[in-house]
Amino acid sequence: QVQLVESGGGLVQPGGSLRLSCAASGSTFSSYIMGWYRQAPGKQRELVAAVSDGGTTNYVDSARGRFTISRDNAKNSVSLQMNSMKPEDTAVYYCYLHRIFSGLDYWGQGTQVTVSS
């Protein structure tokens, strides 16, 4: 069993920055992908950013150049630095972890991010 604990959500003004963090615990593992999804009201959940165990990153087009994802394998954690935030970034953000060998997915509880003046 894997538990994901998220932190860093909140309210920020347009153009501001937030940093989300997620720490995984409960099981020992070495090969996994971690990332962040988000879901805005009335919209489908979408992948925002992900990072592989080898350090390869992917971003949704709207986040590329503004957001940066990073991971700390020793701590089984991932963070998402969000800069130049826009109202369109408002959503519930979910941390996720994918265990490569088992194919299992795990999700955080979600943290609200609101970009508004």
C-alpha atoms as a PDB file:
ATOM      1  CA  GLN A   1       0.000   0.000   0.000  1.00  0.00           C
ATOM      2  CA  VAL A   2       1.166   3.502  -0.881  1.00  0.00           C
ATOM      3  CA  GLN A   3      -0.087   6.729   0.623  1.00  0.00           C
ATOM      4  CA  LEU A   4       0.482  10.113  -0.985  1.00  0.00           C
ATOM      5  CA  VAL A   5       0.442  13.248   1.130  1.00  0.00           C
ATOM      6  CA  GLU A   6       0.143  16.572  -0.673  1.00  0.00           C
ATOM      7  CA  SER A   7       0.921  20.065   0.521  1.00  0.00           C
ATOM      8  CA  GLY A   8       1.338  23.576  -0.819  1.00  0.00           C
ATOM      9  CA  GLY A   9      -2.041  24.358  -2.324  1.00  0.00           C
ATOM     10  CA  GLY A  10      -3.844  27.602  -1.710  1.00  0.00           C
ATOM     11  CA  LEU A  11      -4.821  30.953  -3.132  1.00  0.00           C
ATOM     12  CA  VAL A  12      -2.491  32.965  -5.327  1.00  0.00           C
ATOM     13  CA  GLN A  13      -2.903  36.039  -7.498  1.00  0.00           C
ATOM     14  CA  PRO A  14      -2.427  35.912 -11.257  1.00  0.00           C
ATOM     15  CA  GLY A  15       1.257  36.046 -12.046  1.00  0.00           C
ATOM     16  CA  GLY A  16       2.165  34.605  -8.682  1.00  0.00           C
ATOM     17  CA  SER A  17       3.754  31.311  -7.742  1.00  0.00           C
ATOM     18  CA  LEU A  18       2.959  28.203  -5.753  1.00  0.00           C
ATOM     19  CA  ARG A  19       4.904  25.080  -5.004  1.00  0.00           C
ATOM     20  CA  LEU A  20       3.153  21.761  -4.523  1.00  0.00           C
ATOM     21  CA  SER A  21       4.830  18.850  -2.805  1.00  0.00           C
ATOM     22  CA  CYS A  22       3.905  15.202  -2.480  1.00  0.00           C
ATOM     23  CA  ALA A  23       5.522  12.520  -0.372  1.00  0.00           C
ATOM     24  CA  ALA A  24       4.914   8.801  -0.796  1.00  0.00           C
ATOM     25  CA  SER A  25       4.986   6.386   2.105  1.00  0.00           C
ATOM     26  CA  GLY A  26       3.745   2.982   3.193  1.00  0.00           C
ATOM     27  CA  SER A  27       5.689   0.684   0.885  1.00  0.00           C
ATOM     28  CA  THR A  28       9.221   0.273  -0.314  1.00  0.00           C
ATOM     29  CA  PHE A  29       9.791   0.565  -4.040  1.00  0.00           C
ATOM     30  CA  SER A  30      12.398   1.825  -6.467  1.00  0.00           C
ATOM     31  CA  SER A  31      10.875   2.058  -9.945  1.00  0.00           C
ATOM     32  CA  TYR A  32       7.969   4.445 -10.315  1.00  0.00           C
ATOM     33  CA  ILE A  33       6.623   7.479 -12.116  1.00  0.00           C
ATOM     34  CA  MET A  34       5.252  10.422 -10.169  1.00  0.00           C
ATOM     35  CA  GLY A  35       3.343  13.440 -11.302  1.00  0.00           C
ATOM     36  CA  TRP A  36       0.412  15.771 -10.946  1.00  0.00           C
ATOM     37  CA  TYR A  37      -3.045  15.778 -12.437  1.00  0.00           C
ATOM     38  CA  ARG A  38      -5.612  18.516 -12.100  1.00  0.00           C
ATOM     39  CA  GLN A  39      -9.334  18.791 -12.506  1.00  0.00           C
ATOM     40  CA  ALA A  40     -11.234  22.034 -12.883  1.00  0.00           C
ATOM     41  CA  PRO A  41     -15.003  22.253 -12.379  1.00  0.00           C
ATOM     42  CA  GLY A  42     -16.841  20.870 -15.379  1.00  0.00           C
ATOM     43  CA  LYS A  43     -13.687  19.585 -17.013  1.00  0.00           C
ATOM     44  CA  GLN A  44     -11.948  16.252 -17.353  1.00  0.00           C
ATOM     45  CA  ARG A  45      -8.963  15.448 -15.227  1.00  0.00           C
ATOM     46  CA  GLU A  46      -5.764  16.134 -17.135  1.00  0.00           C
ATOM     47  CA  LEU A  47      -2.115  15.368 -16.666  1.00  0.00           C
ATOM     48  CA  VAL A  48      -0.185  18.495 -15.743  1.00  0.00           C
ATOM     49  CA  ALA A  49       3.316  17.119 -15.383  1.00  0.00           C
ATOM     50  CA  ALA A  50       5.076  13.840 -14.759  1.00  0.00           C
ATOM     51  CA  VAL A  51       8.604  12.677 -14.149  1.00  0.00           C
ATOM     52  CA  SER A  52      10.005   9.192 -14.649  1.00  0.00           C
ATOM     53  CA  ASP A  53      12.465   7.378 -12.435  1.00  0.00           C
ATOM     54  CA  GLY A  54      15.107   8.294 -14.998  1.00  0.00           C
ATOM     55  CA  GLY A  55      14.296  11.987 -14.758  1.00  0.00           C
ATOM     56  CA  THR A  56      12.385  12.397 -18.014  1.00  0.00           C
ATOM     57  CA  THR A  57       9.657  15.026 -17.708  1.00  0.00           C
ATOM     58  CA  ASN A  58       6.465  15.748 -19.593  1.00  0.00           C
ATOM     59  CA  TYR A  59       4.120  18.716 -19.343  1.00  0.00           C
ATOM     60  CA  VAL A  60       0.733  19.682 -20.611  1.00  0.00           C
ATOM     61  CA  ASP A  61       1.153  22.363 -23.268  1.00  0.00           C
ATOM     62  CA  SER A  62      -0.461  25.063 -21.160  1.00  0.00           C
ATOM     63  CA  ALA A  63       2.035  24.478 -18.347  1.00  0.00           C
ATOM     64  CA  ARG A  64       5.209  24.063 -20.325  1.00  0.00           C
ATOM     65  CA  GLY A  65       7.624  26.897 -19.635  1.00  0.00           C
ATOM     66  CA  ARG A  66       5.797  27.969 -16.476  1.00  0.00           C
ATOM     67  CA  PHE A  67       5.765  24.812 -14.373  1.00  0.00           C
ATOM     68  CA  THR A  68       8.681  22.654 -13.317  1.00  0.00           C
ATOM     69  CA  ILE A  69       8.390  19.172 -11.870  1.00  0.00           C
ATOM     70  CA  SER A  70      11.163  17.515  -9.907  1.00  0.00           C
ATOM     71  CA  ARG A  71      11.598  14.431  -7.760  1.00  0.00           C
ATOM     72  CA  ASP A  72      13.723  13.251  -4.896  1.00  0.00           C
ATOM     73  CA  ASN A  73      14.096   9.492  -5.162  1.00  0.00           C
ATOM     74  CA  ALA A  74      15.668   9.151  -1.732  1.00  0.00           C
ATOM     75  CA  LYS A  75      12.599  10.745  -0.161  1.00  0.00           C
ATOM     76  CA  ASN A  76      10.061   9.268  -2.589  1.00  0.00           C
ATOM     77  CA  SER A  77       8.718  12.742  -3.188  1.00  0.00           C
ATOM     78  CA  VAL A  78       7.819  15.014  -6.059  1.00  0.00           C
ATOM     79  CA  SER A  79       7.270  18.739  -6.287  1.00  0.00           C
ATOM     80  CA  LEU A  80       5.682  21.064  -8.788  1.00  0.00           C
ATOM     81  CA  GLN A  81       6.897  24.631  -8.980  1.00  0.00           C
ATOM     82  CA  MET A  82       4.219  26.755 -10.615  1.00  0.00           C
ATOM     83  CA  ASN A  83       5.184  30.224 -11.798  1.00  0.00           C
ATOM     84  CA  SER A  84       3.363  32.927 -13.738  1.00  0.00           C
ATOM     85  CA  MET A  85       0.100  31.383 -12.704  1.00  0.00           C
ATOM     86  CA  LYS A  86      -3.100  32.090 -14.574  1.00  0.00           C
ATOM     87  CA  PRO A  87      -6.764  31.829 -13.590  1.00  0.00           C
ATOM     88  CA  GLU A  88      -6.983  28.856 -15.946  1.00  0.00           C
ATOM     89  CA  ASP A  89      -4.692  26.981 -13.559  1.00  0.00           C
ATOM     90  CA  THR A  90      -7.428  26.944 -10.933  1.00  0.00           C
ATOM     91  CA  ALA A  91      -8.244  23.317 -10.153  1.00  0.00           C
ATOM     92  CA  VAL A  92      -7.905  20.535  -7.660  1.00  0.00           C
ATOM     93  CA  TYR A  93      -4.437  19.101  -8.081  1.00  0.00           C
ATOM     94  CA  TYR A  94      -3.826  15.415  -7.454  1.00  0.00           C
ATOM     95  CA  CYS A  95      -0.508  13.774  -6.851  1.00  0.00           C
ATOM     96  CA  TYR A  96      -0.148  10.366  -8.431  1.00  0.00           C
ATOM     97  CA  LEU A  97       2.325   7.523  -8.418  1.00  0.00           C
ATOM     98  CA  HIS A  98       2.592   4.685 -10.900  1.00  0.00           C
ATOM     99  CA  ARG A  99       4.535   1.588  -9.902  1.00  0.00           C
ATOM    100  CA  ILE A 100       6.164   0.303 -13.051  1.00  0.00           C
ATOM    101  CA  PHE A 101       6.509  -3.371 -12.214  1.00  0.00           C
ATOM    102  CA  SER A 102       3.052  -3.897 -10.770  1.00  0.00           C
ATOM    103  CA  GLY A 103       1.249  -1.376 -12.950  1.00  0.00           C
ATOM    104  CA  LEU A 104      -0.626  -0.016  -9.949  1.00  0.00           C
ATOM    105  CA  ASP A 105      -1.649   3.621  -9.624  1.00  0.00           C
ATOM    106  CA  TYR A 106      -1.996   5.610  -6.420  1.00  0.00           C
ATOM    107  CA  TRP A 107      -3.603   8.996  -5.884  1.00  0.00           C
ATOM    108  CA  GLY A 108      -3.365  11.739  -3.336  1.00  0.00           C
ATOM    109  CA  GLN A 109      -6.427  13.274  -1.741  1.00  0.00           C
ATOM    110  CA  GLY A 110      -6.216  16.413  -3.871  1.00  0.00           C
ATOM    111  CA  THR A 111      -5.321  19.971  -2.954  1.00  0.00           C
ATOM    112  CA  GLN A 112      -7.154  23.074  -4.118  1.00  0.00           C
ATOM    113  CA  VAL A 113      -5.250  25.658  -6.133  1.00  0.00           C
ATOM    114  CA  THR A 114      -7.056  28.910  -6.828  1.00  0.00           C
ATOM    115  CA  VAL A 115      -5.637  31.699  -8.980  1.00  0.00           C
ATOM    116  CA  SER A 116      -7.664  34.850  -8.501  1.00  0.00           C
ATOM    117  CA  SER A 117      -7.279  38.528  -7.773  1.00  0.00           C
END
